Protein backbone atom coordinates (compact mmCIF):
# COMPACT_ATOMS: atom_id res chain seq x y z
CA MET A 1 15.30 9.32 -6.27
CA ILE A 2 17.91 9.11 -4.12
CA ASN A 3 17.36 8.11 -0.50
CA MET A 4 20.82 8.68 1.32
CA ILE A 5 19.26 7.02 4.48
CA GLN A 6 18.25 4.04 2.83
CA ASN A 7 21.67 4.31 0.94
CA ALA A 8 23.54 3.88 4.40
CA LYS A 9 21.44 1.35 5.80
CA ASP A 10 22.12 -0.67 3.08
CA GLN A 11 25.89 -0.08 2.83
CA VAL A 12 25.67 -1.39 6.38
CA LEU A 13 24.55 -4.29 5.98
CA ALA A 14 26.46 -4.73 2.72
CA LEU A 15 29.83 -3.88 4.84
CA THR A 16 28.92 -6.02 7.71
CA GLU A 17 28.24 -8.82 5.30
CA LYS A 18 31.78 -8.02 3.71
CA ALA A 19 33.33 -8.25 7.63
CA TYR A 20 31.44 -11.94 8.21
CA GLN A 21 32.52 -13.08 4.99
CA ALA A 22 36.37 -12.40 5.55
CA ALA A 23 36.17 -13.28 9.05
CA ALA A 24 34.82 -16.70 8.14
CA ALA A 25 37.57 -17.30 5.09
CA ALA A 26 40.02 -16.42 8.11
CA GLY A 27 38.11 -19.42 10.10
CA ARG A 28 37.53 -16.91 12.35
CA LEU A 29 33.79 -17.16 12.65
CA PRO A 30 31.41 -20.33 11.28
CA GLY A 31 30.41 -19.99 7.49
CA ASP A 32 27.48 -20.17 5.71
CA VAL A 33 25.59 -19.18 8.34
CA SER A 34 22.34 -16.47 7.15
CA VAL A 35 21.80 -13.56 9.34
CA ARG A 36 19.18 -11.54 8.91
CA ALA A 37 19.94 -8.00 10.79
CA GLY A 38 18.29 -5.02 11.18
CA VAL A 39 19.87 -1.34 10.61
CA GLU A 40 18.69 1.38 12.70
CA ILE A 41 19.33 5.04 13.52
CA PRO A 42 20.08 5.03 17.23
CA LYS A 43 17.81 7.86 19.38
CA ASP A 44 20.93 8.55 20.93
CA PRO A 45 23.63 10.60 18.47
CA ALA A 46 26.29 8.96 21.48
CA ASN A 47 25.74 5.38 19.81
CA GLY A 48 26.66 6.48 16.54
CA ASP A 49 24.63 7.62 13.29
CA TYR A 50 23.51 3.80 12.61
CA THR A 51 23.77 0.54 14.49
CA THR A 52 22.96 -2.92 13.61
CA THR A 53 21.76 -6.16 15.23
CA PHE A 54 23.82 -8.21 12.90
CA ALA A 55 25.82 -9.81 15.72
CA LEU A 56 23.06 -10.39 17.99
CA ALA A 57 20.94 -12.07 15.13
CA ALA A 58 23.73 -14.46 14.20
CA ALA A 59 24.64 -15.59 18.00
CA LYS A 60 22.36 -18.57 18.17
CA ALA A 61 23.29 -19.85 14.85
CA MET A 62 26.84 -19.27 15.21
CA LYS A 63 26.88 -20.58 18.76
CA MET A 64 28.89 -17.54 20.49
CA ARG A 65 28.45 -14.27 22.71
CA PRO A 66 27.21 -11.67 20.54
CA ARG A 67 30.10 -9.18 21.63
CA ASP A 68 32.59 -11.72 20.70
CA ILE A 69 31.05 -11.74 17.06
CA ALA A 70 30.86 -8.27 17.27
CA GLU A 71 34.59 -7.51 18.01
CA ILE A 72 35.55 -10.36 15.59
CA LEU A 73 33.49 -7.99 12.69
CA LEU A 74 34.91 -5.23 13.45
CA GLU A 75 38.85 -6.82 13.16
CA ASN A 76 37.48 -7.26 9.44
CA LEU A 77 35.45 -3.96 9.02
CA ASP A 78 37.12 -1.99 6.08
CA LEU A 79 35.11 1.03 5.64
CA THR A 80 37.62 2.71 2.71
CA GLY A 81 35.55 4.21 0.28
CA SER A 82 32.33 4.45 2.45
CA TYR A 83 29.76 7.13 3.74
CA PHE A 84 31.54 5.93 7.45
CA ALA A 85 34.29 7.27 9.31
CA SER A 86 34.30 4.68 11.99
CA ALA A 87 32.68 2.04 13.87
CA GLU A 88 32.71 1.00 17.67
CA ILE A 89 31.44 -2.14 19.78
CA ALA A 90 28.07 -1.00 22.07
CA GLY A 91 26.82 -3.19 24.67
CA ALA A 92 25.90 -6.73 24.22
CA GLY A 93 27.19 -6.48 20.67
CA PHE A 94 25.94 -3.79 18.21
CA LEU A 95 27.98 -2.54 16.07
CA ASN A 96 27.83 0.96 15.89
CA PHE A 97 29.25 3.34 12.72
CA ARG A 98 29.26 6.86 12.15
CA LEU A 99 29.52 9.23 9.17
CA GLY A 100 31.70 10.61 7.36
CA SER A 101 32.14 13.77 5.04
CA SER A 102 30.85 11.74 1.75
CA TRP A 103 27.78 11.12 3.68
CA PHE A 104 26.76 14.55 4.13
CA GLU A 105 28.21 15.64 0.54
CA GLY A 106 25.88 13.33 -1.19
CA VAL A 107 23.06 14.47 0.80
CA LEU A 108 23.45 18.17 -0.22
CA SER A 109 24.46 16.44 -4.22
CA ALA A 110 20.63 15.11 -4.30
CA VAL A 111 18.87 17.64 -3.24
CA ASP A 112 20.99 20.00 -5.50
CA SER A 113 20.44 17.51 -8.28
CA GLU A 114 16.86 16.28 -7.80
CA GLY A 115 15.29 19.96 -6.88
CA ALA A 116 11.59 19.84 -7.50
CA ALA A 117 11.93 16.06 -7.44
CA TYR A 118 14.09 15.52 -4.20
CA GLY A 119 12.25 12.93 -1.55
CA ARG A 120 10.01 11.42 -4.57
CA SER A 121 10.55 8.06 -5.22
CA ASP A 122 9.51 4.84 -7.28
CA VAL A 123 8.17 2.45 -4.73
CA LEU A 124 4.70 2.58 -6.08
CA LYS A 125 5.54 2.69 -9.36
CA GLY A 126 2.93 0.71 -11.65
CA GLN A 127 0.15 1.25 -9.25
CA SER A 128 -3.37 2.74 -9.97
CA ILE A 129 -4.45 4.22 -6.87
CA MET A 130 -7.74 5.81 -6.47
CA VAL A 131 -8.21 7.92 -3.55
CA GLU A 132 -12.20 9.06 -3.23
CA PHE A 133 -12.82 11.64 0.02
CA VAL A 134 -15.05 14.81 0.86
CA SER A 135 -18.16 12.87 -1.11
CA ALA A 136 -20.50 15.61 0.84
CA ASN A 137 -24.15 15.07 0.35
CA PRO A 138 -24.90 17.87 -2.02
CA THR A 139 -27.80 18.28 0.03
CA GLY A 140 -26.51 21.64 2.09
CA PRO A 141 -23.13 23.45 2.91
CA MET A 142 -20.38 21.76 3.89
CA HIS A 143 -18.96 21.04 7.16
CA MET A 144 -15.74 20.72 9.50
CA GLY A 145 -15.93 17.25 8.40
CA ASN A 146 -15.74 17.53 4.90
CA ALA A 147 -12.94 20.44 5.49
CA ARG A 148 -10.55 17.97 7.03
CA GLY A 149 -11.31 14.89 4.93
CA GLY A 150 -10.65 17.25 2.00
CA VAL A 151 -7.40 18.12 2.92
CA LEU A 152 -6.33 14.58 4.23
CA GLY A 153 -8.08 13.15 0.95
CA ASP A 154 -5.68 15.57 -1.46
CA THR A 155 -2.76 15.56 0.50
CA LEU A 156 -2.41 11.33 0.61
CA ALA A 157 -3.14 11.54 -2.76
CA SER A 158 0.26 13.82 -3.57
CA VAL A 159 2.39 11.81 -0.67
CA LEU A 160 0.68 8.61 -3.11
CA GLU A 161 1.86 10.57 -6.26
CA ALA A 162 5.36 11.33 -4.97
CA GLY A 163 6.02 7.30 -4.40
CA GLY A 164 5.31 7.00 -8.09
CA ALA A 165 1.70 5.81 -8.12
CA ARG A 166 -0.43 7.52 -10.28
CA VAL A 167 -3.24 8.95 -8.50
CA TRP A 168 -7.42 9.57 -9.21
CA ARG A 169 -8.99 12.17 -7.27
CA GLU A 170 -12.66 11.42 -6.80
CA PHE A 171 -15.69 12.90 -5.28
CA TYR A 172 -18.98 10.61 -5.23
CA VAL A 173 -21.73 12.85 -5.32
CA ASN A 174 -25.05 10.95 -3.68
CA ASP A 175 -27.66 12.34 -6.02
CA ALA A 176 -30.09 9.57 -5.59
CA GLY A 177 -31.90 7.64 -2.82
CA ASN A 178 -33.05 8.39 0.42
CA GLN A 179 -31.65 11.76 1.09
CA ILE A 180 -32.73 13.56 -2.07
CA GLU A 181 -35.86 12.44 -1.45
CA LYS A 182 -36.05 14.37 2.00
CA PHE A 183 -34.08 17.29 -0.12
CA ALA A 184 -36.50 17.26 -2.29
CA ASN A 185 -39.40 17.13 0.49
CA SER A 186 -37.85 20.15 2.32
CA LEU A 187 -37.57 21.92 -0.55
CA GLU A 188 -41.24 21.44 -1.57
CA ALA A 189 -42.46 22.13 2.30
CA ARG A 190 -40.65 25.70 1.87
CA TYR A 191 -41.67 26.39 -1.31
CA LEU A 192 -45.68 25.36 -1.13
CA GLN A 193 -45.17 27.60 2.25
CA ILE A 194 -44.12 30.62 0.25
CA LEU A 195 -47.22 30.14 -1.73
CA LEU A 196 -49.96 29.44 1.34
CA GLY A 197 -48.07 30.93 4.26
CA GLU A 198 -45.90 29.41 6.84
CA ASP A 199 -48.62 27.68 9.01
CA ALA A 200 -50.81 26.45 6.04
CA VAL A 201 -48.17 24.01 5.56
CA GLU A 202 -46.16 21.43 7.86
CA PHE A 203 -42.43 21.40 7.65
CA PRO A 204 -41.46 17.41 7.93
CA GLU A 205 -39.82 16.66 11.07
CA ASP A 206 -37.10 14.51 9.24
CA GLY A 207 -36.29 17.25 7.05
CA TYR A 208 -33.30 19.65 6.66
CA HIS A 209 -34.13 22.66 8.97
CA GLY A 210 -31.15 24.90 7.75
CA ASP A 211 -31.63 28.08 5.91
CA ASP A 212 -29.89 26.93 2.74
CA ILE A 213 -33.31 24.84 2.37
CA ARG A 214 -35.29 28.45 2.70
CA GLU A 215 -33.25 30.21 0.76
CA LEU A 216 -32.84 27.32 -2.39
CA ALA A 217 -36.66 27.54 -2.51
CA GLN A 218 -36.72 31.32 -2.61
CA ALA A 219 -34.40 31.30 -5.25
CA TYR A 220 -36.85 28.88 -7.45
CA TYR A 221 -40.17 31.07 -6.76
CA ASP A 222 -38.08 33.85 -7.17
CA ALA A 223 -37.17 32.15 -10.98
CA HIS A 224 -40.42 30.17 -11.72
CA GLY A 225 -42.87 31.77 -9.53
CA ASP A 226 -45.99 29.47 -8.90
CA GLY A 227 -45.87 27.23 -11.65
CA LEU A 228 -44.96 23.92 -9.52
CA ARG A 229 -48.33 24.60 -7.15
CA ASP A 230 -50.54 22.09 -8.86
CA ALA A 231 -48.28 19.90 -10.60
CA ALA A 232 -48.17 16.22 -9.53
CA LYS A 233 -45.76 15.48 -6.27
CA GLU A 234 -43.40 13.44 -8.36
CA GLU A 235 -43.14 16.24 -10.72
CA ARG A 236 -42.46 18.62 -8.31
CA HIS A 237 -39.85 16.63 -6.66
CA ALA A 238 -38.07 16.27 -9.38
CA ALA A 239 -37.91 20.03 -10.66
CA LEU A 240 -37.42 21.31 -6.68
CA ALA A 241 -34.36 18.59 -6.48
CA LYS A 242 -32.80 19.22 -9.66
CA PHE A 243 -33.00 23.05 -8.78
CA GLY A 244 -31.37 22.51 -5.73
CA LEU A 245 -28.52 20.08 -7.32
CA GLU A 246 -27.60 22.16 -9.89
CA ARG A 247 -27.23 25.21 -7.36
CA ASN A 248 -25.41 23.57 -4.76
CA ILE A 249 -22.79 21.27 -6.56
CA PRO A 250 -21.42 23.95 -7.97
CA ARG A 251 -20.84 25.65 -5.07
CA MET A 252 -19.25 22.89 -3.26
CA GLN A 253 -17.02 22.70 -6.34
CA SER A 254 -16.06 26.52 -6.36
CA ASP A 255 -15.60 25.82 -2.24
CA LEU A 256 -13.66 22.97 -2.71
CA ARG A 257 -11.42 24.58 -5.16
CA ARG A 258 -10.75 28.02 -3.00
CA TYR A 259 -9.51 24.92 -0.81
CA LYS A 260 -6.95 24.03 -3.71
CA ILE A 261 -8.58 21.14 -4.19
CA GLU A 262 -9.59 19.75 -7.66
CA TYR A 263 -10.87 16.60 -8.81
CA ASP A 264 -10.02 14.57 -11.59
CA GLN A 265 -13.65 13.23 -11.43
CA TRP A 266 -17.28 13.93 -9.85
CA PHE A 267 -18.96 10.69 -10.07
CA PHE A 268 -22.40 10.63 -9.61
CA GLU A 269 -24.61 7.76 -7.89
CA SER A 270 -27.49 8.79 -10.22
CA GLN A 271 -25.43 7.71 -13.39
CA LEU A 272 -25.21 3.93 -11.62
CA HIS A 273 -29.28 3.29 -11.08
CA GLU A 274 -29.53 5.25 -14.83
CA SER A 275 -27.51 2.83 -16.41
CA GLY A 276 -28.82 -0.80 -14.61
CA TYR A 277 -25.39 -1.01 -13.14
CA VAL A 278 -27.00 -1.16 -9.26
CA ALA A 279 -29.32 -3.55 -10.33
CA GLY A 280 -26.69 -5.94 -12.46
CA THR A 281 -24.25 -5.85 -9.51
CA VAL A 282 -27.08 -7.15 -6.78
CA GLN A 283 -27.86 -9.88 -9.73
CA LEU A 284 -24.13 -10.70 -9.78
CA LEU A 285 -24.21 -10.90 -6.05
CA THR A 286 -27.43 -13.16 -6.29
CA ASP A 287 -25.83 -15.34 -9.12
CA ARG A 288 -23.30 -15.87 -6.70
CA GLY A 289 -25.40 -17.09 -3.95
CA TYR A 290 -24.69 -14.69 -1.70
CA THR A 291 -28.45 -13.12 -1.43
CA TYR A 292 -31.75 -13.92 -0.03
CA GLU A 293 -35.53 -12.44 0.26
CA LYS A 294 -37.06 -12.01 3.09
CA GLU A 295 -40.34 -9.72 3.57
CA GLY A 296 -40.46 -8.93 0.18
CA ALA A 297 -36.59 -7.10 0.33
CA LEU A 298 -33.81 -8.93 -0.92
CA TRP A 299 -30.90 -8.93 1.52
CA LEU A 300 -27.26 -9.78 1.46
CA ALA A 301 -25.84 -12.12 3.66
CA THR A 302 -23.53 -9.97 4.93
CA SER A 303 -22.93 -11.80 8.28
CA ARG A 304 -22.24 -15.55 6.38
CA ILE A 305 -19.47 -13.32 3.97
CA LEU A 306 -18.16 -12.21 6.78
CA GLU A 307 -17.49 -15.20 8.89
CA GLU A 308 -15.88 -17.17 5.67
CA ASN A 309 -13.16 -14.19 5.51
CA TYR A 310 -12.63 -14.09 9.35
CA ARG A 311 -12.01 -18.03 9.24
CA ARG A 312 -10.02 -17.10 6.73
CA ALA A 313 -7.68 -14.84 8.56
CA GLY A 314 -7.71 -17.59 11.11
CA LYS A 315 -10.24 -16.03 13.81
CA SER A 316 -11.55 -18.83 16.14
CA GLU A 317 -15.46 -19.50 16.10
CA LYS A 318 -15.72 -18.20 19.41
CA ASP A 319 -14.31 -14.83 18.69
CA ILE A 320 -16.68 -15.15 15.33
CA ALA A 321 -19.40 -15.70 17.81
CA LYS A 322 -19.09 -12.72 19.84
CA LEU A 323 -19.39 -10.47 16.50
CA ASP A 324 -22.54 -8.55 16.30
CA LEU A 325 -23.02 -9.74 12.63
CA LYS A 326 -26.36 -8.53 10.54
CA ASP A 327 -27.03 -8.89 6.79
CA ASP A 328 -28.12 -5.94 4.66
CA VAL A 329 -31.15 -5.19 2.77
CA LEU A 330 -30.18 -4.39 -1.06
CA ARG A 331 -33.69 -3.96 -2.60
CA ARG A 332 -36.56 -2.79 -0.24
CA ALA A 333 -40.00 -4.82 -0.66
CA ASN A 334 -40.76 -1.14 -2.68
CA GLY A 335 -38.25 -2.32 -5.29
CA PHE A 336 -35.78 0.63 -4.30
CA TYR A 337 -32.17 0.06 -4.17
CA THR A 338 -30.54 0.84 -0.66
CA TYR A 339 -27.49 3.01 0.06
CA PHE A 340 -25.40 0.23 0.27
CA ALA A 341 -26.52 -1.22 -3.04
CA ALA A 342 -25.44 1.68 -5.11
CA ASP A 343 -22.02 1.98 -2.93
CA ILE A 344 -21.28 -1.67 -3.97
CA ALA A 345 -22.01 -0.81 -7.39
CA TYR A 346 -19.94 2.02 -7.09
CA HIS A 347 -16.63 0.53 -5.75
CA ARG A 348 -17.12 -2.62 -8.00
CA ASN A 349 -17.31 -0.17 -10.84
CA LYS A 350 -13.88 1.43 -9.58
CA PHE A 351 -12.14 -2.00 -9.43
CA GLU A 352 -13.84 -3.88 -12.31
CA GLU A 353 -14.85 -1.03 -14.82
CA ARG A 354 -11.60 1.47 -14.19
CA GLY A 355 -9.48 -1.12 -13.14
CA PHE A 356 -7.67 0.59 -9.99
CA ASP A 357 -4.98 -1.46 -8.54
CA LYS A 358 -6.12 -0.03 -5.03
CA VAL A 359 -9.26 2.14 -3.84
CA ILE A 360 -8.65 4.44 -0.61
CA ASN A 361 -11.39 5.95 1.11
CA ILE A 362 -11.44 8.85 3.48
CA TRP A 363 -14.34 8.40 5.72
CA GLY A 364 -15.66 9.85 9.32
CA ALA A 365 -15.15 7.37 12.23
CA ASP A 366 -18.86 7.33 12.47
CA HIS A 367 -18.93 4.79 9.36
CA HIS A 368 -16.14 2.11 11.14
CA GLY A 369 -19.43 -0.67 11.17
CA HIS A 370 -19.47 0.05 7.16
CA VAL A 371 -15.69 -0.81 6.17
CA ALA A 372 -16.04 -4.78 6.97
CA ARG A 373 -19.57 -4.95 5.09
CA LEU A 374 -18.06 -3.06 1.95
CA LYS A 375 -14.77 -5.12 1.97
CA GLY A 376 -16.94 -8.25 2.54
CA ALA A 377 -19.13 -7.25 -0.75
CA MET A 378 -16.31 -6.74 -2.91
CA ASP A 379 -14.94 -10.29 -1.57
CA ALA A 380 -18.28 -11.63 -2.46
CA LEU A 381 -17.85 -10.39 -6.49
CA GLY A 382 -14.63 -11.94 -6.41
CA LEU A 383 -12.90 -8.18 -6.49
CA ASP A 384 -10.35 -8.71 -3.26
CA GLY A 385 -12.11 -6.11 -1.10
CA THR A 386 -9.75 -7.59 1.63
CA ASN A 387 -6.55 -6.07 0.22
CA ARG A 388 -7.48 -3.75 -2.25
CA LEU A 389 -10.07 -1.62 -0.46
CA ASP A 390 -8.70 0.57 2.36
CA ILE A 391 -10.83 2.39 4.50
CA VAL A 392 -9.21 5.76 6.41
CA LEU A 393 -10.85 6.94 9.26
CA MET A 394 -10.87 10.17 10.79
CA GLN A 395 -12.07 11.38 13.96
CA LEU A 396 -13.96 14.98 14.72
CA VAL A 397 -12.92 18.39 14.55
CA LYS A 398 -13.43 20.47 17.59
CA LEU A 399 -13.41 24.19 17.00
CA LEU A 400 -11.96 26.41 19.67
CA ARG A 401 -11.28 29.90 20.27
CA ASP A 402 -9.82 31.27 23.03
CA GLY A 403 -10.08 28.00 24.76
CA GLU A 404 -13.61 27.79 24.21
CA VAL A 405 -15.94 25.63 21.84
CA VAL A 406 -17.34 27.30 19.09
CA ARG A 407 -20.15 25.95 16.72
CA MET A 408 -21.67 29.04 15.21
CA SER A 409 -20.28 31.33 12.83
CA LYS A 410 -19.87 35.03 13.94
CA ARG A 411 -20.59 36.56 10.67
CA THR A 412 -23.83 34.00 9.79
CA GLY A 413 -25.15 33.12 13.40
CA LYS A 414 -25.33 29.86 11.92
CA ALA A 415 -23.34 26.28 12.28
CA ILE A 416 -20.00 27.12 11.01
CA SER A 417 -19.55 26.01 7.23
CA LEU A 418 -15.86 25.31 5.16
CA THR A 419 -16.75 28.58 3.85
CA ASP A 420 -17.36 30.60 7.00
CA LEU A 421 -14.04 28.97 8.34
CA LEU A 422 -12.22 30.48 4.91
CA ASP A 423 -13.88 33.88 5.56
CA GLU A 424 -12.09 33.35 9.02
CA VAL A 425 -8.47 31.92 8.43
CA PRO A 426 -6.39 31.74 5.57
CA VAL A 427 -6.69 28.49 3.32
CA ASP A 428 -3.32 27.98 4.17
CA ALA A 429 -3.42 27.57 7.94
CA ALA A 430 -6.77 25.95 7.02
CA ARG A 431 -5.01 22.99 5.07
CA TRP A 432 -1.76 22.86 7.82
CA PHE A 433 -4.00 22.28 10.70
CA PHE A 434 -6.58 19.88 9.01
CA ASN A 435 -3.66 17.87 7.85
CA ALA A 436 -3.29 16.20 11.48
CA LYS A 437 -3.11 12.42 12.51
CA PRO A 438 -6.30 11.12 11.12
CA ASP A 439 -6.94 8.74 13.81
CA THR A 440 -7.32 11.22 16.44
CA GLN A 441 -9.77 14.11 17.48
CA MET A 442 -8.06 17.46 16.83
CA ASP A 443 -8.63 20.74 18.26
CA PHE A 444 -8.76 23.59 15.92
CA ASP A 445 -7.81 26.55 17.55
CA LEU A 446 -8.41 29.56 15.50
CA GLY A 447 -6.67 32.03 17.31
CA LEU A 448 -3.56 29.97 16.74
CA ALA A 449 -4.10 29.26 13.20
CA VAL A 450 -4.18 33.27 12.48
CA ARG A 451 -0.78 34.19 15.18
CA GLU A 452 2.31 35.48 13.46
CA ASP A 453 4.61 33.50 15.97
CA SER A 454 6.48 30.76 16.43
CA GLU A 455 3.51 29.02 18.15
CA ASN A 456 1.78 29.08 15.05
CA PRO A 457 3.51 26.02 13.25
CA ILE A 458 2.61 26.85 9.54
CA TYR A 459 4.29 30.48 10.50
CA TYR A 460 7.00 28.59 11.84
CA VAL A 461 7.73 26.64 8.98
CA GLU A 462 6.66 29.35 6.12
CA TYR A 463 9.26 32.29 7.92
CA ALA A 464 12.07 29.56 7.94
CA HIS A 465 11.01 29.26 4.25
CA ALA A 466 10.87 33.56 4.04
CA ARG A 467 13.96 34.11 6.07
CA ILE A 468 16.24 31.78 3.62
CA CYS A 469 14.71 33.67 0.75
CA SER A 470 15.54 37.25 2.50
CA LEU A 471 19.16 35.75 3.22
CA LEU A 472 20.09 34.69 -0.75
CA ARG A 473 18.92 38.30 -1.77
CA ASN A 474 20.70 39.87 0.45
CA LEU A 475 23.97 37.88 -0.31
CA SER A 476 23.18 37.95 -4.00
CA ALA A 477 23.18 41.78 -3.67
CA GLU A 478 26.69 41.81 -2.37
CA GLY A 479 27.75 39.64 -5.21
CA HIS A 480 27.42 35.99 -3.24
CA ALA A 481 25.53 33.65 -5.79
CA VAL A 482 24.42 30.28 -4.85
CA PRO A 483 27.37 27.56 -5.80
CA ALA A 484 27.38 25.04 -8.01
CA MET A 485 28.02 21.40 -6.09
CA ALA A 486 30.93 21.54 -7.35
CA ASP A 487 32.15 24.39 -6.05
CA VAL A 488 31.48 23.37 -2.54
CA ASP A 489 33.72 22.08 0.20
CA ALA A 490 31.13 19.94 2.06
CA ALA A 491 33.95 18.96 4.72
CA LEU A 492 34.07 22.12 6.00
CA LEU A 493 30.22 21.80 7.18
CA ASN A 494 31.01 20.14 10.67
CA HIS A 495 29.18 22.27 13.35
CA GLU A 496 26.82 20.07 15.39
CA THR A 497 23.91 22.18 13.54
CA GLU A 498 25.38 21.84 10.28
CA LEU A 499 25.46 17.97 10.51
CA ALA A 500 22.05 18.30 12.33
CA LEU A 501 20.36 19.97 9.59
CA ILE A 502 21.69 17.89 6.72
CA LYS A 503 20.40 14.77 8.54
CA GLN A 504 16.99 16.23 8.55
CA LEU A 505 17.36 17.11 5.07
CA ALA A 506 18.11 13.16 4.44
CA LEU A 507 15.23 12.43 6.44
CA PHE A 508 12.38 14.17 3.92
CA CYS A 509 12.94 10.78 1.70
CA GLU A 510 12.30 8.45 4.72
CA GLU A 511 9.18 10.71 6.20
CA LEU A 512 7.77 10.73 2.79
CA ARG A 513 8.08 6.61 2.89
CA LEU A 514 6.08 6.52 5.70
CA ALA A 515 3.67 9.26 4.85
CA ALA A 516 2.64 6.73 2.17
CA ARG A 517 2.80 3.12 3.90
CA ASP A 518 1.04 4.51 6.84
CA TYR A 519 -1.41 7.02 4.90
CA ASP A 520 -1.08 9.50 7.56
CA PRO A 521 0.22 12.89 5.35
CA SER A 522 0.71 14.81 8.72
CA HIS A 523 4.37 12.80 8.21
CA ILE A 524 4.97 16.26 6.60
CA ASN A 525 3.84 18.52 8.64
CA ARG A 526 6.15 17.22 11.82
CA TYR A 527 9.00 16.64 9.74
CA LEU A 528 8.75 20.17 8.19
CA VAL A 529 8.54 21.78 11.53
CA GLU A 530 11.98 20.04 12.78
CA LEU A 531 13.15 20.92 9.58
CA ALA A 532 12.44 24.76 10.14
CA GLY A 533 13.68 24.47 13.92
CA CYS A 534 17.30 22.72 12.44
CA PHE A 535 17.47 25.61 10.17
CA HIS A 536 16.93 28.30 12.98
CA ARG A 537 19.50 26.36 15.49
CA PHE A 538 22.02 26.58 12.53
CA TYR A 539 21.53 30.14 11.26
CA THR A 540 21.82 31.34 14.94
CA ALA A 541 24.94 29.14 15.80
CA CYS A 542 26.79 29.60 12.21
CA ARG A 543 27.30 32.93 10.45
CA ILE A 544 27.13 33.24 6.73
CA LYS A 545 27.80 36.65 6.16
CA GLY A 546 31.52 38.17 6.61
CA GLU A 547 33.18 34.35 6.93
CA GLU A 548 35.67 33.15 4.88
CA GLU A 549 34.89 32.31 1.04
CA GLN A 550 34.74 28.67 1.33
CA LEU A 551 32.90 28.46 4.07
CA LEU A 552 30.76 31.00 3.45
CA ASN A 553 29.82 28.84 -0.05
CA ALA A 554 29.18 25.76 1.82
CA ARG A 555 26.91 27.23 4.19
CA LEU A 556 25.20 29.13 1.74
CA LYS A 557 24.97 26.61 -0.17
CA LEU A 558 23.39 24.41 3.02
CA ALA A 559 20.91 27.35 3.58
CA ASP A 560 19.52 26.64 0.23
CA ALA A 561 19.32 23.19 0.43
CA ALA A 562 16.80 23.65 3.53
CA ARG A 563 15.09 26.23 1.52
CA SER A 564 14.56 23.71 -1.50
CA VAL A 565 12.98 20.75 0.92
CA LEU A 566 10.97 23.25 2.91
CA LYS A 567 9.43 24.05 -0.27
CA ASN A 568 9.18 20.88 -1.44
CA GLY A 569 7.31 19.43 1.75
CA LEU A 570 4.99 22.37 2.20
CA ALA A 571 4.05 22.00 -1.81
CA LEU A 572 3.02 18.36 -1.07
CA LEU A 573 0.46 19.68 1.49
CA GLY A 574 -1.17 22.32 -1.09
CA VAL A 575 0.60 25.26 0.87
CA ASP A 576 2.69 28.17 -0.11
CA ALA A 577 6.06 28.91 -0.24
CA PRO A 578 6.37 32.59 0.79
CA GLU A 579 9.41 34.61 -0.25
CA LYS A 580 8.86 37.51 1.88
CA MET A 581 7.23 37.81 5.06
């Protein structure tokens, strides 16, 4: 729970405020001025390790030049016992601080004492968060979008857990509604074609045309023969859909387990319909005055709900008039509830019945038009969807091999499914590459994912971990164990590559915080690549084996700290940290 970067920022503000109070007491600066100053890490190390804008922020209230304020602050600055060795003025009045050895020792101590917990925090402590992801229709194989959404959801859940939240992973199974009727229609057509011949039965134009439907129909026939030939259509549909789902859903669970994804719950849409929860939710919306009937159907006044929300958010009437707002059908004229009605009920269940503070959904970018509508429906139910429901939209995936787009599997000759991908690419590589920034379209290079060189980022990072493990084994064989922190003289670590590596170790806590804040776990990928680079540069520049005992111990401790943080980061991604390669 120790964040040395935040500790340093807090100390800069405390030291500066103390200098201001001393200067004010001496009559050098106006007293009783409240200053809201920032602390940043300069991009250029020549400008120090930390810089504060205190003097610039105080200039107007103090009616003084920022640089003059900074000079007086510097004269009253006492760095005794702090993390900092020196401070100086730069530019118009920036006050720059340079770290001393105690801070670098503090980083190593934090990594050493916290071990596998290093980087974790309690910033989200007390929050109950559901992450719903993949939720693919159980009517066929999972595709590349599911592969990407699976990793993003699973890794984001891990990041939120690292921030102290109680996280629940959920898969929503759409086992009711139009797509299941289409699934049953498709299976029925293939089943009857087996019995009567393909020319005798027309396949529905909007049906599922994949070979998996043929295989399921054949499997049903092999198990049950022609028992459904003369059955009523409704009975035949129910039997075939049940048979298909009982095979598809376990296959999806198995594929995702292979992908290192385990859910706390697989939630079935059919339960919402069978329990009357969908009907009850729609009735609640009606009771609140947000529905109306037209042409035999029941509609949600989505446009009115969103207009109310936009006005509360400060949008002008002119801006609202430009929006293409439409209402949504909740119950069709035939009495069947729409998918949107079920989705509203499902999210009401998340908030009202199960009490999650925050709900995060990972959706494909093609669902962007659904975001405001669902949030609005939650608002209409009094569940504050505007603030409690967050949607992460992910862009498409393009598979490449040798620079060419790949659409078909070499093995099956069909569109590439998650299973096909994992037959070709190691699971860890797939998890690494799919954990890219969600809002950018990604190119997945199948060739790069299996390369064993520094061009492949996961190989580069895993190799750094394995290299350190090899170093530790070799030195252990010579009698050099990783020393206790109390036996390490951190002041000996003063080479630029040593200091850069320690700073990178400290940055892990900050990157985890940003990953949780931004709902973007790819922060960790980028961090680990840079950490591996920092280690490789340190190891090239700073010899360990054969050095004098104290320096060897200090560098050995630093190498082991890098190993520990690499392992922690890879674990959050669900990726192995190999000890040999």
